Amino acid sequence: MIIGVCGSPRRKATEHVLRAALDMLAKQGFETEFFTVRGKEIGFCRHCDYCLRNKTCAVDDDMHQLYPLLKDARGIIIATPVYNSGISAQTKAVMDRCRALVAADRNCFRYKVGMGIAVGGDRVGGQELAIQQILTFYILNGVIPVSGGAFGANLGATFWSKDTLEGVKEDEEGFRSLRKTIKKFTQSLEELETNRRK
């Protein structure tokens, strides 16, 4: 199963792009699941170390809906709007709260494949910086990070929304970067599956 995590508090450009990515994967035969922070209560990590002692998070909120999805996923896609040239606060909260998953099982993210999507209101608004934060999260936790490769999707899928849903729908270059990243993402998933069978 591939889990797509939308880190936008709005139902607009970022959600549209992530759903498009999951549709591409579904057409290739992958089971997908969509999770959004919109309308959810997800508090920030207190770094209280409760999870280290009890193997679960002390904060009782909607993050507990996401934990089993992340744990069971083969692949993870984190999509974020760009806020102040970085990820949204909601995306950061999700990533920080994953400390509880790792505290319960140090290998829970191992051999999963991860990619990032960033949607900015400006053409050069911090999309690559935001994706870099997502890829760093993957690396720290044992997820295999995947980009779209050179010539257009260096770190992942980047979109210019012009701060409108219509803008992101018209961003042909953004969708080209998404297709390239999805291609590398699925190749990595298939190679890992082949190696597991050996």
N, C-alpha and C. Protein backbone atom coordinates (compact mmCIF):
# COMPACT_ATOMS: atom_id res chain seq x y z
N MET A 1 0.84 -1.19 0.00
CA MET A 1 0.00 0.00 0.00
C MET A 1 0.89 1.25 0.00
N ILE A 2 0.45 2.27 -0.75
CA ILE A 2 1.14 3.55 -0.80
C ILE A 2 0.30 4.56 -0.04
N ILE A 3 0.89 5.23 0.94
CA ILE A 3 0.18 6.25 1.68
C ILE A 3 0.60 7.63 1.20
N GLY A 4 -0.38 8.45 0.87
CA GLY A 4 -0.13 9.83 0.50
C GLY A 4 -0.57 10.73 1.63
N VAL A 5 0.34 11.52 2.17
CA VAL A 5 0.05 12.40 3.30
C VAL A 5 0.03 13.84 2.81
N CYS A 6 -1.11 14.47 2.90
CA CYS A 6 -1.25 15.86 2.46
C CYS A 6 -1.08 16.78 3.66
N GLY A 7 -0.06 17.62 3.63
CA GLY A 7 0.25 18.51 4.74
C GLY A 7 -0.35 19.89 4.61
N SER A 8 -1.41 20.02 3.81
CA SER A 8 -2.05 21.33 3.64
C SER A 8 -3.34 21.40 4.45
N PRO A 9 -3.57 22.50 5.16
CA PRO A 9 -4.82 22.67 5.89
C PRO A 9 -5.98 23.08 4.99
N ARG A 10 -5.70 23.24 3.68
CA ARG A 10 -6.76 23.66 2.75
C ARG A 10 -7.01 22.58 1.70
N ARG A 11 -8.21 22.56 1.14
CA ARG A 11 -8.54 21.64 0.07
C ARG A 11 -8.31 22.37 -1.26
N LYS A 12 -7.03 22.49 -1.62
CA LYS A 12 -6.75 23.22 -2.85
C LYS A 12 -5.62 22.54 -3.61
N ALA A 13 -4.59 23.33 -3.95
CA ALA A 13 -3.57 22.88 -4.89
C ALA A 13 -2.80 21.64 -4.43
N THR A 14 -2.33 21.62 -3.20
CA THR A 14 -1.51 20.49 -2.73
C THR A 14 -2.31 19.20 -2.72
N GLU A 15 -3.54 19.27 -2.25
CA GLU A 15 -4.40 18.08 -2.24
C GLU A 15 -4.67 17.60 -3.67
N HIS A 16 -4.90 18.52 -4.58
CA HIS A 16 -5.16 18.16 -5.98
C HIS A 16 -3.98 17.39 -6.56
N VAL A 17 -2.78 17.90 -6.34
CA VAL A 17 -1.58 17.27 -6.90
C VAL A 17 -1.33 15.89 -6.28
N LEU A 18 -1.50 15.77 -4.95
CA LEU A 18 -1.29 14.48 -4.31
C LEU A 18 -2.30 13.46 -4.80
N ARG A 19 -3.55 13.86 -4.95
CA ARG A 19 -4.56 12.92 -5.47
C ARG A 19 -4.21 12.49 -6.89
N ALA A 20 -3.66 13.41 -7.69
CA ALA A 20 -3.23 13.06 -9.05
C ALA A 20 -2.11 12.02 -8.99
N ALA A 21 -1.18 12.17 -8.05
CA ALA A 21 -0.08 11.21 -7.90
C ALA A 21 -0.62 9.84 -7.51
N LEU A 22 -1.55 9.80 -6.58
CA LEU A 22 -2.13 8.53 -6.15
C LEU A 22 -2.94 7.88 -7.27
N ASP A 23 -3.60 8.70 -8.09
CA ASP A 23 -4.33 8.16 -9.26
C ASP A 23 -3.37 7.50 -10.24
N MET A 24 -2.22 8.12 -10.47
CA MET A 24 -1.20 7.53 -11.36
C MET A 24 -0.78 6.16 -10.84
N LEU A 25 -0.57 6.07 -9.54
CA LEU A 25 -0.15 4.81 -8.94
C LEU A 25 -1.25 3.76 -8.98
N ALA A 26 -2.48 4.19 -8.73
CA ALA A 26 -3.62 3.25 -8.77
C ALA A 26 -3.78 2.66 -10.16
N LYS A 27 -3.54 3.47 -11.19
CA LYS A 27 -3.65 2.98 -12.58
C LYS A 27 -2.57 1.96 -12.89
N GLN A 28 -1.48 1.98 -12.12
CA GLN A 28 -0.42 0.99 -12.30
C GLN A 28 -0.64 -0.25 -11.42
N GLY A 29 -1.74 -0.27 -10.70
CA GLY A 29 -2.07 -1.45 -9.91
C GLY A 29 -1.70 -1.37 -8.44
N PHE A 30 -1.21 -0.22 -7.99
CA PHE A 30 -0.85 -0.08 -6.58
C PHE A 30 -2.08 0.27 -5.75
N GLU A 31 -2.15 -0.30 -4.56
CA GLU A 31 -3.18 0.09 -3.60
C GLU A 31 -2.73 1.40 -2.96
N THR A 32 -3.62 2.36 -2.88
CA THR A 32 -3.26 3.67 -2.34
C THR A 32 -4.21 4.08 -1.22
N GLU A 33 -3.71 4.97 -0.37
CA GLU A 33 -4.50 5.52 0.72
C GLU A 33 -4.17 7.00 0.84
N PHE A 34 -5.18 7.82 1.01
CA PHE A 34 -5.00 9.27 1.13
C PHE A 34 -5.27 9.70 2.57
N PHE A 35 -4.36 10.51 3.11
CA PHE A 35 -4.55 11.08 4.45
C PHE A 35 -4.27 12.57 4.37
N THR A 36 -5.17 13.35 4.93
CA THR A 36 -4.96 14.80 4.95
C THR A 36 -4.98 15.33 6.38
N VAL A 37 -4.19 16.36 6.61
CA VAL A 37 -4.21 17.02 7.92
C VAL A 37 -5.39 17.97 8.02
N ARG A 38 -6.00 18.28 6.88
CA ARG A 38 -7.12 19.22 6.86
C ARG A 38 -8.26 18.70 7.74
N GLY A 39 -8.70 19.53 8.66
CA GLY A 39 -9.80 19.15 9.54
C GLY A 39 -9.41 18.22 10.68
N LYS A 40 -8.12 17.90 10.77
CA LYS A 40 -7.66 16.99 11.82
C LYS A 40 -7.01 17.79 12.97
N GLU A 41 -7.01 17.17 14.12
CA GLU A 41 -6.27 17.71 15.26
C GLU A 41 -4.98 16.92 15.38
N ILE A 42 -3.88 17.56 15.04
CA ILE A 42 -2.56 16.92 15.16
C ILE A 42 -1.64 17.91 15.88
N GLY A 43 -1.36 17.61 17.13
CA GLY A 43 -0.53 18.49 17.93
C GLY A 43 0.95 18.30 17.63
N PHE A 44 1.74 19.22 18.12
CA PHE A 44 3.18 19.13 17.90
C PHE A 44 3.80 18.15 18.88
N CYS A 45 4.98 17.66 18.54
CA CYS A 45 5.72 16.75 19.41
C CYS A 45 6.25 17.54 20.61
N ARG A 46 6.04 17.00 21.80
CA ARG A 46 6.51 17.67 23.02
C ARG A 46 7.91 17.21 23.41
N HIS A 47 8.40 16.18 22.74
CA HIS A 47 9.70 15.59 23.06
C HIS A 47 9.77 15.24 24.54
N CYS A 48 8.66 14.67 25.04
CA CYS A 48 8.55 14.35 26.46
C CYS A 48 9.13 12.99 26.81
N ASP A 49 9.47 12.21 25.76
CA ASP A 49 10.05 10.87 25.92
C ASP A 49 9.05 9.83 26.44
N TYR A 50 7.77 10.18 26.47
CA TYR A 50 6.75 9.20 26.86
C TYR A 50 6.79 8.00 25.91
N CYS A 51 6.98 8.28 24.62
CA CYS A 51 6.99 7.19 23.63
C CYS A 51 8.18 6.25 23.83
N LEU A 52 9.28 6.76 24.34
CA LEU A 52 10.44 5.90 24.58
C LEU A 52 10.17 4.90 25.69
N ARG A 53 9.39 5.33 26.66
CA ARG A 53 9.08 4.46 27.80
C ARG A 53 7.87 3.56 27.55
N ASN A 54 6.89 4.07 26.78
CA ASN A 54 5.61 3.37 26.65
C ASN A 54 5.30 2.87 25.23
N LYS A 55 6.18 3.17 24.27
CA LYS A 55 6.03 2.70 22.90
C LYS A 55 4.76 3.21 22.20
N THR A 56 4.26 4.32 22.67
CA THR A 56 3.13 4.99 22.04
C THR A 56 3.21 6.47 22.37
N CYS A 57 2.51 7.30 21.60
CA CYS A 57 2.56 8.75 21.81
C CYS A 57 1.59 9.16 22.92
N ALA A 58 2.03 10.09 23.76
CA ALA A 58 1.20 10.58 24.87
C ALA A 58 0.08 11.48 24.37
N VAL A 59 0.26 12.08 23.19
CA VAL A 59 -0.74 13.01 22.68
C VAL A 59 -1.85 12.21 22.00
N ASP A 60 -3.05 12.31 22.53
CA ASP A 60 -4.19 11.54 22.03
C ASP A 60 -4.97 12.40 21.04
N ASP A 61 -4.61 12.26 19.76
CA ASP A 61 -5.28 13.06 18.74
C ASP A 61 -5.34 12.28 17.43
N ASP A 62 -5.59 12.98 16.32
CA ASP A 62 -5.83 12.30 15.04
C ASP A 62 -4.57 11.71 14.41
N MET A 63 -3.42 11.97 14.97
CA MET A 63 -2.20 11.33 14.47
C MET A 63 -2.29 9.82 14.61
N HIS A 64 -3.07 9.36 15.55
CA HIS A 64 -3.22 7.92 15.77
C HIS A 64 -3.97 7.23 14.63
N GLN A 65 -4.66 8.01 13.78
CA GLN A 65 -5.25 7.45 12.55
C GLN A 65 -4.16 7.18 11.51
N LEU A 66 -3.12 8.00 11.53
CA LEU A 66 -2.06 7.89 10.53
C LEU A 66 -1.02 6.84 10.89
N TYR A 67 -0.76 6.63 12.15
CA TYR A 67 0.30 5.70 12.56
C TYR A 67 0.19 4.33 11.89
N PRO A 68 -0.97 3.65 11.93
CA PRO A 68 -1.03 2.32 11.32
C PRO A 68 -0.85 2.35 9.80
N LEU A 69 -1.28 3.44 9.17
CA LEU A 69 -1.12 3.56 7.71
C LEU A 69 0.36 3.67 7.35
N LEU A 70 1.09 4.48 8.09
CA LEU A 70 2.53 4.62 7.85
C LEU A 70 3.26 3.31 8.12
N LYS A 71 2.86 2.64 9.19
CA LYS A 71 3.51 1.39 9.57
C LYS A 71 3.33 0.32 8.50
N ASP A 72 2.14 0.25 7.90
CA ASP A 72 1.83 -0.81 6.93
C ASP A 72 2.23 -0.46 5.50
N ALA A 73 2.55 0.79 5.24
CA ALA A 73 2.82 1.23 3.86
C ALA A 73 4.13 0.68 3.33
N ARG A 74 4.16 0.39 2.03
CA ARG A 74 5.40 0.07 1.32
C ARG A 74 6.07 1.36 0.84
N GLY A 75 5.25 2.35 0.51
CA GLY A 75 5.75 3.62 0.01
C GLY A 75 5.03 4.78 0.65
N ILE A 76 5.74 5.90 0.78
CA ILE A 76 5.18 7.09 1.42
C ILE A 76 5.39 8.29 0.49
N ILE A 77 4.32 9.05 0.30
CA ILE A 77 4.42 10.32 -0.42
C ILE A 77 3.96 11.41 0.52
N ILE A 78 4.84 12.34 0.81
CA ILE A 78 4.48 13.50 1.63
C ILE A 78 4.40 14.71 0.70
N ALA A 79 3.23 15.36 0.71
CA ALA A 79 3.01 16.54 -0.11
C ALA A 79 2.76 17.73 0.80
N THR A 80 3.47 18.82 0.55
CA THR A 80 3.34 20.00 1.40
C THR A 80 3.18 21.27 0.58
N PRO A 81 2.38 22.21 1.07
CA PRO A 81 2.46 23.56 0.51
C PRO A 81 3.73 24.20 1.04
N VAL A 82 4.22 25.19 0.34
CA VAL A 82 5.43 25.89 0.79
C VAL A 82 5.01 27.09 1.62
N TYR A 83 5.47 27.09 2.87
CA TYR A 83 5.24 28.21 3.78
C TYR A 83 6.60 28.76 4.19
N ASN A 84 6.84 30.04 3.92
CA ASN A 84 8.11 30.67 4.30
C ASN A 84 9.31 29.85 3.81
N SER A 85 9.24 29.41 2.57
CA SER A 85 10.33 28.67 1.92
C SER A 85 10.62 27.33 2.58
N GLY A 86 9.62 26.72 3.18
CA GLY A 86 9.79 25.41 3.79
C GLY A 86 8.46 24.67 3.85
N ILE A 87 8.44 23.57 4.59
CA ILE A 87 7.23 22.79 4.74
C ILE A 87 6.23 23.51 5.63
N SER A 88 4.98 23.11 5.56
CA SER A 88 3.96 23.68 6.43
C SER A 88 4.16 23.19 7.86
N ALA A 89 3.60 23.92 8.81
CA ALA A 89 3.68 23.52 10.22
C ALA A 89 3.01 22.18 10.43
N GLN A 90 1.93 21.93 9.68
CA GLN A 90 1.21 20.67 9.81
C GLN A 90 2.06 19.49 9.34
N THR A 91 2.79 19.68 8.24
CA THR A 91 3.68 18.64 7.74
C THR A 91 4.78 18.36 8.76
N LYS A 92 5.34 19.42 9.33
CA LYS A 92 6.39 19.26 10.34
C LYS A 92 5.88 18.52 11.56
N ALA A 93 4.66 18.82 11.97
CA ALA A 93 4.08 18.13 13.13
C ALA A 93 3.95 16.64 12.86
N VAL A 94 3.48 16.29 11.66
CA VAL A 94 3.35 14.87 11.30
C VAL A 94 4.70 14.18 11.37
N MET A 95 5.72 14.79 10.78
CA MET A 95 7.04 14.17 10.76
C MET A 95 7.60 14.04 12.18
N ASP A 96 7.47 15.09 12.98
CA ASP A 96 7.99 15.04 14.35
C ASP A 96 7.28 13.98 15.18
N ARG A 97 5.99 13.85 14.98
CA ARG A 97 5.22 12.89 15.77
C ARG A 97 5.51 11.44 15.39
N CYS A 98 6.20 11.23 14.28
CA CYS A 98 6.61 9.87 13.90
C CYS A 98 7.68 9.32 14.84
N ARG A 99 8.19 10.15 15.71
CA ARG A 99 9.15 9.69 16.73
C ARG A 99 8.56 8.54 17.54
N ALA A 100 7.25 8.59 17.77
CA ALA A 100 6.60 7.53 18.55
C ALA A 100 6.62 6.20 17.81
N LEU A 101 6.48 6.24 16.48
CA LEU A 101 6.55 4.99 15.70
C LEU A 101 7.94 4.38 15.79
N VAL A 102 8.95 5.22 15.67
CA VAL A 102 10.33 4.74 15.71
C VAL A 102 10.69 4.27 17.13
N ALA A 103 10.13 4.91 18.13
CA ALA A 103 10.38 4.48 19.51
C ALA A 103 9.81 3.09 19.76
N ALA A 104 8.68 2.80 19.14
CA ALA A 104 8.05 1.48 19.30
C ALA A 104 8.77 0.41 18.49
N ASP A 105 9.32 0.82 17.33
CA ASP A 105 10.00 -0.14 16.45
C ASP A 105 11.04 0.62 15.63
N ARG A 106 12.30 0.45 15.98
CA ARG A 106 13.38 1.19 15.32
C ARG A 106 13.44 0.92 13.82
N ASN A 107 12.87 -0.18 13.37
CA ASN A 107 12.92 -0.55 11.94
C ASN A 107 11.60 -0.36 11.22
N CYS A 108 10.67 0.38 11.82
CA CYS A 108 9.33 0.47 11.22
C CYS A 108 9.34 1.14 9.85
N PHE A 109 10.31 2.01 9.57
CA PHE A 109 10.37 2.68 8.28
C PHE A 109 11.39 2.05 7.32
N ARG A 110 12.11 1.06 7.80
CA ARG A 110 13.18 0.49 7.00
C ARG A 110 12.64 -0.19 5.74
N TYR A 111 13.28 0.07 4.62
CA TYR A 111 12.95 -0.51 3.32
C TYR A 111 11.64 0.01 2.73
N LYS A 112 11.11 1.08 3.29
CA LYS A 112 10.00 1.77 2.62
C LYS A 112 10.62 2.77 1.65
N VAL A 113 9.88 3.14 0.63
CA VAL A 113 10.35 4.11 -0.36
C VAL A 113 9.56 5.40 -0.17
N GLY A 114 10.25 6.54 -0.22
CA GLY A 114 9.56 7.81 -0.01
C GLY A 114 9.89 8.85 -1.06
N MET A 115 8.90 9.64 -1.40
CA MET A 115 9.10 10.77 -2.32
C MET A 115 8.37 11.99 -1.77
N GLY A 116 8.76 13.15 -2.28
CA GLY A 116 8.17 14.40 -1.81
C GLY A 116 7.57 15.22 -2.93
N ILE A 117 6.54 15.97 -2.58
CA ILE A 117 5.89 16.91 -3.48
C ILE A 117 5.78 18.25 -2.75
N ALA A 118 6.12 19.34 -3.43
CA ALA A 118 5.99 20.66 -2.83
C ALA A 118 5.30 21.60 -3.81
N VAL A 119 4.36 22.37 -3.28
CA VAL A 119 3.58 23.30 -4.10
C VAL A 119 3.78 24.70 -3.55
N GLY A 120 4.33 25.58 -4.39
CA GLY A 120 4.58 26.95 -3.97
C GLY A 120 3.78 27.96 -4.76
N GLY A 121 3.45 29.06 -4.13
CA GLY A 121 2.71 30.13 -4.81
C GLY A 121 3.56 30.90 -5.79
N ASP A 122 4.88 30.90 -5.59
CA ASP A 122 5.81 31.55 -6.50
C ASP A 122 6.56 30.49 -7.29
N ARG A 123 7.07 30.88 -8.45
CA ARG A 123 7.81 29.92 -9.28
C ARG A 123 9.03 29.37 -8.53
N VAL A 124 9.76 30.26 -7.87
CA VAL A 124 10.89 29.84 -7.05
C VAL A 124 10.58 30.28 -5.62
N GLY A 125 9.73 29.49 -4.96
CA GLY A 125 9.22 29.91 -3.66
C GLY A 125 9.71 29.08 -2.49
N GLY A 126 10.66 28.18 -2.76
CA GLY A 126 11.16 27.32 -1.69
C GLY A 126 10.77 25.86 -1.85
N GLN A 127 10.29 25.50 -3.06
CA GLN A 127 9.85 24.12 -3.27
C GLN A 127 10.96 23.11 -3.00
N GLU A 128 12.15 23.36 -3.51
CA GLU A 128 13.24 22.39 -3.31
C GLU A 128 13.68 22.35 -1.85
N LEU A 129 13.64 23.49 -1.16
CA LEU A 129 13.97 23.49 0.27
C LEU A 129 12.96 22.66 1.05
N ALA A 130 11.69 22.78 0.68
CA ALA A 130 10.65 22.01 1.36
C ALA A 130 10.85 20.51 1.13
N ILE A 131 11.12 20.13 -0.12
CA ILE A 131 11.34 18.71 -0.42
C ILE A 131 12.58 18.20 0.29
N GLN A 132 13.60 19.05 0.40
CA GLN A 132 14.81 18.65 1.11
C GLN A 132 14.51 18.29 2.55
N GLN A 133 13.59 19.02 3.18
CA GLN A 133 13.18 18.70 4.55
C GLN A 133 12.49 17.34 4.61
N ILE A 134 11.66 17.06 3.61
CA ILE A 134 10.97 15.76 3.55
C ILE A 134 11.98 14.63 3.35
N LEU A 135 12.92 14.82 2.42
CA LEU A 135 13.92 13.78 2.16
C LEU A 135 14.82 13.56 3.37
N THR A 136 15.12 14.63 4.10
CA THR A 136 15.92 14.50 5.32
C THR A 136 15.18 13.65 6.35
N PHE A 137 13.89 13.87 6.49
CA PHE A 137 13.07 13.05 7.38
C PHE A 137 13.17 11.57 6.98
N TYR A 138 13.08 11.30 5.69
CA TYR A 138 13.18 9.92 5.21
C TYR A 138 14.54 9.31 5.58
N ILE A 139 15.59 10.04 5.28
CA ILE A 139 16.94 9.53 5.53
C ILE A 139 17.14 9.23 7.01
N LEU A 140 16.72 10.14 7.86
CA LEU A 140 16.89 9.95 9.31
C LEU A 140 16.17 8.72 9.83
N ASN A 141 15.07 8.35 9.18
CA ASN A 141 14.24 7.28 9.70
C ASN A 141 14.34 5.98 8.92
N GLY A 142 15.24 5.91 7.94
CA GLY A 142 15.47 4.65 7.24
C GLY A 142 14.63 4.45 6.00
N VAL A 143 13.84 5.46 5.62
CA VAL A 143 13.08 5.39 4.37
C VAL A 143 14.04 5.65 3.21
N ILE A 144 13.89 4.91 2.12
CA ILE A 144 14.74 5.12 0.94
C ILE A 144 14.18 6.31 0.16
N PRO A 145 14.92 7.44 0.11
CA PRO A 145 14.40 8.63 -0.57
C PRO A 145 14.59 8.53 -2.08
N VAL A 146 13.56 8.97 -2.81
CA VAL A 146 13.60 8.91 -4.27
C VAL A 146 13.26 10.28 -4.83
N SER A 147 14.01 10.69 -5.84
CA SER A 147 13.68 11.92 -6.56
C SER A 147 13.34 11.55 -8.00
N GLY A 148 13.03 12.56 -8.78
CA GLY A 148 12.75 12.31 -10.19
C GLY A 148 13.99 12.31 -11.05
N GLY A 149 15.14 12.63 -10.45
CA GLY A 149 16.39 12.64 -11.20
C GLY A 149 16.65 13.98 -11.87
N ALA A 150 17.77 14.02 -12.57
CA ALA A 150 18.20 15.27 -13.21
C ALA A 150 17.26 15.70 -14.33
N PHE A 151 17.41 16.94 -14.74
CA PHE A 151 16.65 17.52 -15.85
C PHE A 151 15.17 17.67 -15.54
N GLY A 152 14.87 18.33 -14.42
CA GLY A 152 13.48 18.72 -14.20
C GLY A 152 12.81 18.24 -12.94
N ALA A 153 13.40 17.26 -12.25
CA ALA A 153 12.77 16.79 -11.01
C ALA A 153 13.88 16.39 -10.03
N ASN A 154 14.84 17.28 -9.87
CA ASN A 154 16.08 16.94 -9.16
C ASN A 154 15.85 16.35 -7.77
N LEU A 155 14.96 16.93 -6.99
CA LEU A 155 14.70 16.42 -5.65
C LEU A 155 13.34 15.74 -5.54
N GLY A 156 12.44 16.07 -6.43
CA GLY A 156 11.09 15.52 -6.40
C GLY A 156 10.17 16.35 -7.26
N ALA A 157 8.88 16.26 -7.00
CA ALA A 157 7.88 16.96 -7.81
C ALA A 157 7.63 18.35 -7.24
N THR A 158 7.85 19.36 -8.08
CA THR A 158 7.68 20.74 -7.64
C THR A 158 6.66 21.45 -8.52
N PHE A 159 5.76 22.18 -7.88
CA PHE A 159 4.67 22.85 -8.59
C PHE A 159 4.63 24.34 -8.27
N TRP A 160 4.19 25.10 -9.27
CA TRP A 160 3.96 26.53 -9.12
C TRP A 160 2.45 26.75 -9.26
N SER A 161 1.81 27.09 -8.16
CA SER A 161 0.35 27.20 -8.16
C SER A 161 -0.16 28.59 -8.49
N LYS A 162 0.70 29.59 -8.39
CA LYS A 162 0.27 31.00 -8.51
C LYS A 162 -0.81 31.30 -7.46
N ASP A 163 -0.78 30.53 -6.38
CA ASP A 163 -1.73 30.68 -5.27
C ASP A 163 -3.18 30.40 -5.67
N THR A 164 -3.36 29.59 -6.71
CA THR A 164 -4.72 29.20 -7.10
C THR A 164 -4.75 27.73 -7.50
N LEU A 165 -5.90 27.12 -7.38
CA LEU A 165 -6.08 25.75 -7.85
C LEU A 165 -5.93 25.68 -9.36
N GLU A 166 -6.44 26.68 -10.06
CA GLU A 166 -6.32 26.71 -11.51
C GLU A 166 -4.86 26.79 -11.93
N GLY A 167 -4.06 27.55 -11.17
CA GLY A 167 -2.65 27.69 -11.49
C GLY A 167 -1.92 26.36 -11.44
N VAL A 168 -2.18 25.57 -10.41
CA VAL A 168 -1.49 24.29 -10.30
C VAL A 168 -1.97 23.32 -11.38
N LYS A 169 -3.24 23.38 -11.73
CA LYS A 169 -3.78 22.50 -12.79
C LYS A 169 -3.12 22.80 -14.14
N GLU A 170 -2.71 24.05 -14.34
CA GLU A 170 -2.11 24.47 -15.61
C GLU A 170 -0.59 24.32 -15.63
N ASP A 171 0.00 23.88 -14.53
CA ASP A 171 1.46 23.80 -14.44
C ASP A 171 1.98 22.52 -15.10
N GLU A 172 2.18 22.59 -16.41
CA GLU A 172 2.63 21.42 -17.17
C GLU A 172 4.00 20.94 -16.72
N GLU A 173 4.88 21.87 -16.40
CA GLU A 173 6.22 21.50 -15.94
C GLU A 173 6.15 20.78 -14.60
N GLY A 174 5.24 21.23 -13.74
CA GLY A 174 5.05 20.56 -12.46
C GLY A 174 4.59 19.12 -12.64
N PHE A 175 3.65 18.91 -13.54
CA PHE A 175 3.16 17.55 -13.77
C PHE A 175 4.22 16.68 -14.46
N ARG A 176 5.09 17.31 -15.25
CA ARG A 176 6.20 16.54 -15.82
C ARG A 176 7.14 16.07 -14.72
N SER A 177 7.40 16.96 -13.74
CA SER A 177 8.26 16.56 -12.61
C SER A 177 7.59 15.48 -11.77
N LEU A 178 6.26 15.52 -11.69
CA LEU A 178 5.54 14.50 -10.93
C LEU A 178 5.64 13.15 -11.64
N ARG A 179 5.44 13.13 -12.94
CA ARG A 179 5.52 11.86 -13.69
C ARG A 179 6.92 11.25 -13.59
N LYS A 180 7.94 12.10 -13.67
CA LYS A 180 9.32 11.61 -13.55
C LYS A 180 9.57 11.01 -12.17
N THR A 181 9.07 11.69 -11.14
CA THR A 181 9.30 11.22 -9.77
C THR A 181 8.51 9.94 -9.50
N ILE A 182 7.28 9.88 -9.98
CA ILE A 182 6.47 8.67 -9.83
C ILE A 182 7.15 7.49 -10.53
N LYS A 183 7.74 7.73 -11.68
CA LYS A 183 8.42 6.66 -12.41
C LYS A 183 9.57 6.08 -11.58
N LYS A 184 10.40 6.94 -11.01
CA LYS A 184 11.52 6.46 -10.18
C LYS A 184 11.02 5.79 -8.90
N PHE A 185 9.94 6.34 -8.36
CA PHE A 185 9.33 5.81 -7.14
C PHE A 185 8.85 4.37 -7.38
N THR A 186 8.12 4.17 -8.46
CA THR A 186 7.60 2.82 -8.74
C THR A 186 8.72 1.84 -9.11
N GLN A 187 9.73 2.32 -9.80
CA GLN A 187 10.88 1.46 -10.11
C GLN A 187 11.55 0.97 -8.84
N SER A 188 11.71 1.87 -7.88
CA SER A 188 12.34 1.51 -6.61
C SER A 188 11.48 0.51 -5.84
N LEU A 189 10.18 0.73 -5.83
CA LEU A 189 9.26 -0.20 -5.15
C LEU A 189 9.34 -1.59 -5.77
N GLU A 190 9.36 -1.63 -7.10
CA GLU A 190 9.39 -2.93 -7.79
C GLU A 190 10.72 -3.64 -7.60
N GLU A 191 11.82 -2.89 -7.60
CA GLU A 191 13.14 -3.49 -7.37
C GLU A 191 13.24 -4.06 -5.95
N LEU A 192 12.71 -3.34 -4.99
CA LEU A 192 12.72 -3.84 -3.61
C LEU A 192 11.88 -5.11 -3.48
N GLU A 193 10.74 -5.13 -4.14
CA GLU A 193 9.87 -6.30 -4.08
C GLU A 193 10.56 -7.50 -4.73
N THR A 194 11.25 -7.27 -5.84
CA THR A 194 11.98 -8.35 -6.52
C THR A 194 13.08 -8.90 -5.62
N ASN A 195 13.81 -8.01 -4.96
CA ASN A 195 14.89 -8.45 -4.05
C ASN A 195 14.37 -9.21 -2.85
N ARG A 196 13.17 -8.84 -2.37
CA ARG A 196 12.59 -9.56 -1.24
C ARG A 196 12.27 -11.01 -1.61
N ARG A 197 11.88 -11.22 -2.86
CA ARG A 197 11.48 -12.56 -3.31
C ARG A 197 12.68 -13.49 -3.52
N LYS A 198 13.87 -12.90 -3.66
CA LYS A 198 15.07 -13.71 -3.94
C LYS A 198 15.52 -14.46 -2.71
